[in-house]
Amino acid sequence: MKLLLHMCCAPCSVYPISVIRDENIDFEGLFYNPNIHPMEEFNRRKENVDILSRTLNFSVAYSDDFMQQDWEAFKGSDEERCFFCYSIRLHKVASYAAENGFDSFTTTLLVSPYQKHDIIKEISEEAAQKYGIDFYYRDFRPGFRQGQQQAKEMGLYRQKFCGCIVSYEEAKSRNRKNK
């Protein structure tokens, strides 16, 4: 099996990669995250995925799509915004996997206890069916803390918000209140 691993960031990739490797699955990464804002944050996460890929010796394809206007214009609820964000990314990942000879795909979003796991799984299964590719489902959440600790030991940047402009503004507001 050849697996495409959607990577949202380096720290969230550490544990899923260990599981995938333990199962002797051939994989490559894809950094596709047009939701991450601002551009400095996008670049920092991308650079750290590159550091991780060189450290752990695996290939990653990178997309520089950046859709700030879409998130700034979005007027839905938090739940709707997350659904929009997951849908854009996971459909692109499934499409890319199907077009590039992969047998299946998965996402590191499934490691975070802060993400909407059931929605991610639902969208991924729908995208898999649409693009005629398998979705490799694993609940990686039990290894979240372990992966974060390993990322810290590797000196990887560990962000404090999911990535979209709304979560960025919320994180800035929290930081101001804590000072």
Protein backbone atom coordinates (compact mmCIF):
# COMPACT_ATOMS: atom_id res chain seq x y z
CA MET A 1 0.00 0.00 0.00
CA LYS A 2 1.19 3.50 -0.85
CA LEU A 3 -0.28 6.10 1.51
CA LEU A 4 -0.53 9.88 1.21
CA LEU A 5 -0.26 11.56 4.61
CA HIS A 6 -1.86 15.00 4.79
CA MET A 7 0.30 17.01 7.19
CA CYS A 8 -1.20 20.01 8.96
CA CYS A 9 2.02 20.72 10.88
CA ALA A 10 5.17 18.96 12.05
CA PRO A 11 4.26 18.29 15.71
CA CYS A 12 0.94 16.66 14.78
CA SER A 13 2.76 14.49 12.24
CA VAL A 14 5.25 12.86 14.61
CA TYR A 15 2.97 10.24 16.17
CA PRO A 16 1.00 9.29 13.02
CA ILE A 17 4.29 8.75 11.18
CA SER A 18 5.46 6.38 13.92
CA VAL A 19 2.21 4.37 13.62
CA ILE A 20 2.43 4.26 9.82
CA ARG A 21 6.04 3.15 9.97
CA ASP A 22 5.26 0.52 12.62
CA GLU A 23 2.73 -0.92 10.16
CA ASN A 24 5.42 -0.94 7.42
CA ILE A 25 3.35 1.29 5.15
CA ASP A 26 5.06 3.12 2.30
CA PHE A 27 4.04 6.78 2.59
CA GLU A 28 4.71 10.31 1.43
CA GLY A 29 3.52 13.56 2.94
CA LEU A 30 1.49 16.41 1.51
CA PHE A 31 1.51 19.85 3.11
CA TYR A 32 -1.72 21.44 1.91
CA ASN A 33 -3.08 24.02 4.33
CA PRO A 34 -4.43 27.17 2.65
CA ASN A 35 -6.21 27.96 5.92
CA ILE A 36 -3.06 28.84 7.89
CA HIS A 37 -2.67 32.55 8.61
CA PRO A 38 -0.86 34.85 8.63
CA MET A 39 1.68 34.08 5.91
CA GLU A 40 4.51 34.07 8.46
CA GLU A 41 2.71 31.28 10.34
CA PHE A 42 2.11 29.37 7.11
CA ASN A 43 5.81 29.56 6.25
CA ARG A 44 6.92 28.60 9.75
CA ARG A 45 4.74 25.47 9.75
CA LYS A 46 5.88 24.58 6.24
CA GLU A 47 9.55 24.99 7.23
CA ASN A 48 9.06 22.74 10.25
CA VAL A 49 7.41 20.04 8.13
CA ASP A 50 10.51 20.23 5.94
CA ILE A 51 12.77 19.86 9.01
CA LEU A 52 10.74 16.84 10.16
CA SER A 53 10.84 15.21 6.71
CA ARG A 54 14.61 15.58 6.53
CA THR A 55 15.05 14.36 10.11
CA LEU A 56 12.85 11.28 9.62
CA ASN A 57 13.80 10.79 5.95
CA PHE A 58 10.56 10.85 3.98
CA SER A 59 9.27 12.81 0.98
CA VAL A 60 6.77 15.64 1.15
CA ALA A 61 4.99 17.57 -1.60
CA TYR A 62 4.15 21.18 -0.76
CA SER A 63 1.29 23.36 -1.92
CA ASP A 64 1.62 27.11 -1.47
CA ASP A 65 -2.10 27.78 -1.82
CA PHE A 66 -3.06 30.57 0.56
CA MET A 67 -6.74 31.46 0.85
CA GLN A 68 -6.85 34.28 3.40
CA GLN A 69 -9.67 36.14 1.63
CA ASP A 70 -11.90 33.04 1.84
CA TRP A 71 -11.53 32.83 5.62
CA GLU A 72 -11.87 36.58 6.12
CA ALA A 73 -15.09 36.56 4.07
CA PHE A 74 -16.56 33.47 5.76
CA LYS A 75 -19.58 34.41 7.89
CA GLY A 76 -20.71 31.03 9.25
CA SER A 77 -20.51 29.61 12.74
CA ASP A 78 -17.34 28.06 14.17
CA GLU A 79 -18.69 24.60 13.33
CA GLU A 80 -19.44 25.66 9.73
CA ARG A 81 -16.01 27.28 9.40
CA CYS A 82 -14.26 24.10 10.56
CA PHE A 83 -16.37 22.01 8.18
CA PHE A 84 -15.43 24.38 5.32
CA CYS A 85 -11.74 24.18 6.26
CA TYR A 86 -11.65 20.39 6.58
CA SER A 87 -13.61 19.94 3.34
CA ILE A 88 -11.28 22.08 1.26
CA ARG A 89 -8.19 20.32 2.53
CA LEU A 90 -9.40 16.73 2.62
CA HIS A 91 -11.02 16.81 -0.81
CA LYS A 92 -7.79 18.24 -2.25
CA VAL A 93 -5.77 15.53 -0.49
CA ALA A 94 -8.03 12.74 -1.78
CA SER A 95 -7.93 14.19 -5.30
CA TYR A 96 -4.13 14.53 -5.19
CA ALA A 97 -3.76 10.95 -3.90
CA ALA A 98 -5.98 9.55 -6.66
CA GLU A 99 -4.20 11.55 -9.38
CA ASN A 100 -0.71 10.59 -8.18
CA GLY A 101 -0.95 6.82 -7.82
CA PHE A 102 -1.55 6.48 -4.10
CA ASP A 103 -3.74 3.66 -2.80
CA SER A 104 -5.04 5.60 0.19
CA PHE A 105 -4.76 8.78 2.22
CA THR A 106 -5.02 9.91 5.81
CA THR A 107 -4.50 13.11 7.77
CA THR A 108 -2.58 14.18 10.84
CA LEU A 109 -5.68 16.14 11.86
CA LEU A 110 -6.81 12.82 13.40
CA VAL A 111 -4.17 13.10 16.14
CA SER A 112 -5.41 16.27 17.81
CA PRO A 113 -7.94 16.12 20.64
CA TYR A 114 -8.73 19.75 19.73
CA GLN A 115 -10.01 18.97 16.23
CA LYS A 116 -13.50 17.75 15.35
CA HIS A 117 -12.58 14.09 14.84
CA ASP A 118 -15.96 12.76 13.70
CA ILE A 119 -16.34 15.51 11.10
CA ILE A 120 -12.83 14.88 9.77
CA LYS A 121 -13.60 11.18 9.45
CA GLU A 122 -16.94 11.83 7.73
CA ILE A 123 -15.46 14.27 5.21
CA SER A 124 -12.51 11.97 4.52
CA GLU A 125 -14.79 9.00 3.85
CA GLU A 126 -16.93 11.14 1.52
CA ALA A 127 -13.82 12.39 -0.33
CA ALA A 128 -12.47 8.85 -0.63
CA GLN A 129 -15.69 7.70 -2.24
CA LYS A 130 -15.83 10.72 -4.56
CA TYR A 131 -12.25 10.24 -5.83
CA GLY A 132 -12.23 6.44 -5.82
CA ILE A 133 -9.46 6.02 -3.26
CA ASP A 134 -9.27 4.40 0.17
CA PHE A 135 -9.27 6.41 3.37
CA TYR A 136 -6.82 4.98 5.91
CA TYR A 137 -8.60 5.66 9.18
CA ARG A 138 -6.77 5.61 12.48
CA ASP A 139 -7.65 7.36 15.70
CA PHE A 140 -4.22 8.75 16.45
CA ARG A 141 -5.40 10.77 19.48
CA PRO A 142 -4.04 8.34 22.11
CA GLY A 143 -0.51 9.30 20.95
CA PHE A 144 -1.04 13.06 20.85
CA ARG A 145 0.92 13.92 24.02
CA GLN A 146 3.71 11.48 23.11
CA GLY A 147 4.05 13.05 19.66
CA GLN A 148 4.03 16.56 21.09
CA GLN A 149 6.77 15.61 23.55
CA GLN A 150 8.87 14.12 20.75
CA ALA A 151 8.33 17.26 18.67
CA LYS A 152 9.51 19.37 21.61
CA GLU A 153 12.62 17.19 21.99
CA MET A 154 13.29 17.60 18.25
CA GLY A 155 13.10 21.39 18.63
CA LEU A 156 10.11 21.71 16.29
CA TYR A 157 7.89 24.76 16.40
CA ARG A 158 4.67 23.99 18.27
CA GLN A 159 1.92 26.46 17.48
CA LYS A 160 -0.81 27.59 19.87
CA PHE A 161 -3.76 27.75 17.45
CA CYS A 162 -5.26 25.59 14.71
CA GLY A 163 -4.25 27.87 11.85
CA CYS A 164 -7.19 29.84 10.48
CA ILE A 165 -7.42 33.59 10.85
CA VAL A 166 -10.24 33.30 13.39
CA SER A 167 -8.26 30.99 15.67
CA TYR A 168 -5.23 33.26 15.19
CA GLU A 169 -7.23 36.27 16.42
CA GLU A 170 -8.60 34.23 19.33
CA ALA A 171 -5.06 33.18 20.32
CA LYS A 172 -3.88 36.81 20.18
CA SER A 173 -6.80 37.82 22.39
CA ARG A 174 -5.98 35.06 24.92
CA ASN A 175 -2.34 36.16 24.98
CA ARG A 176 -3.34 39.78 25.70
CA LYS A 177 -5.60 38.66 28.57
CA ASN A 178 -2.84 36.48 30.07
CA LYS A 179 -0.33 39.33 30.14
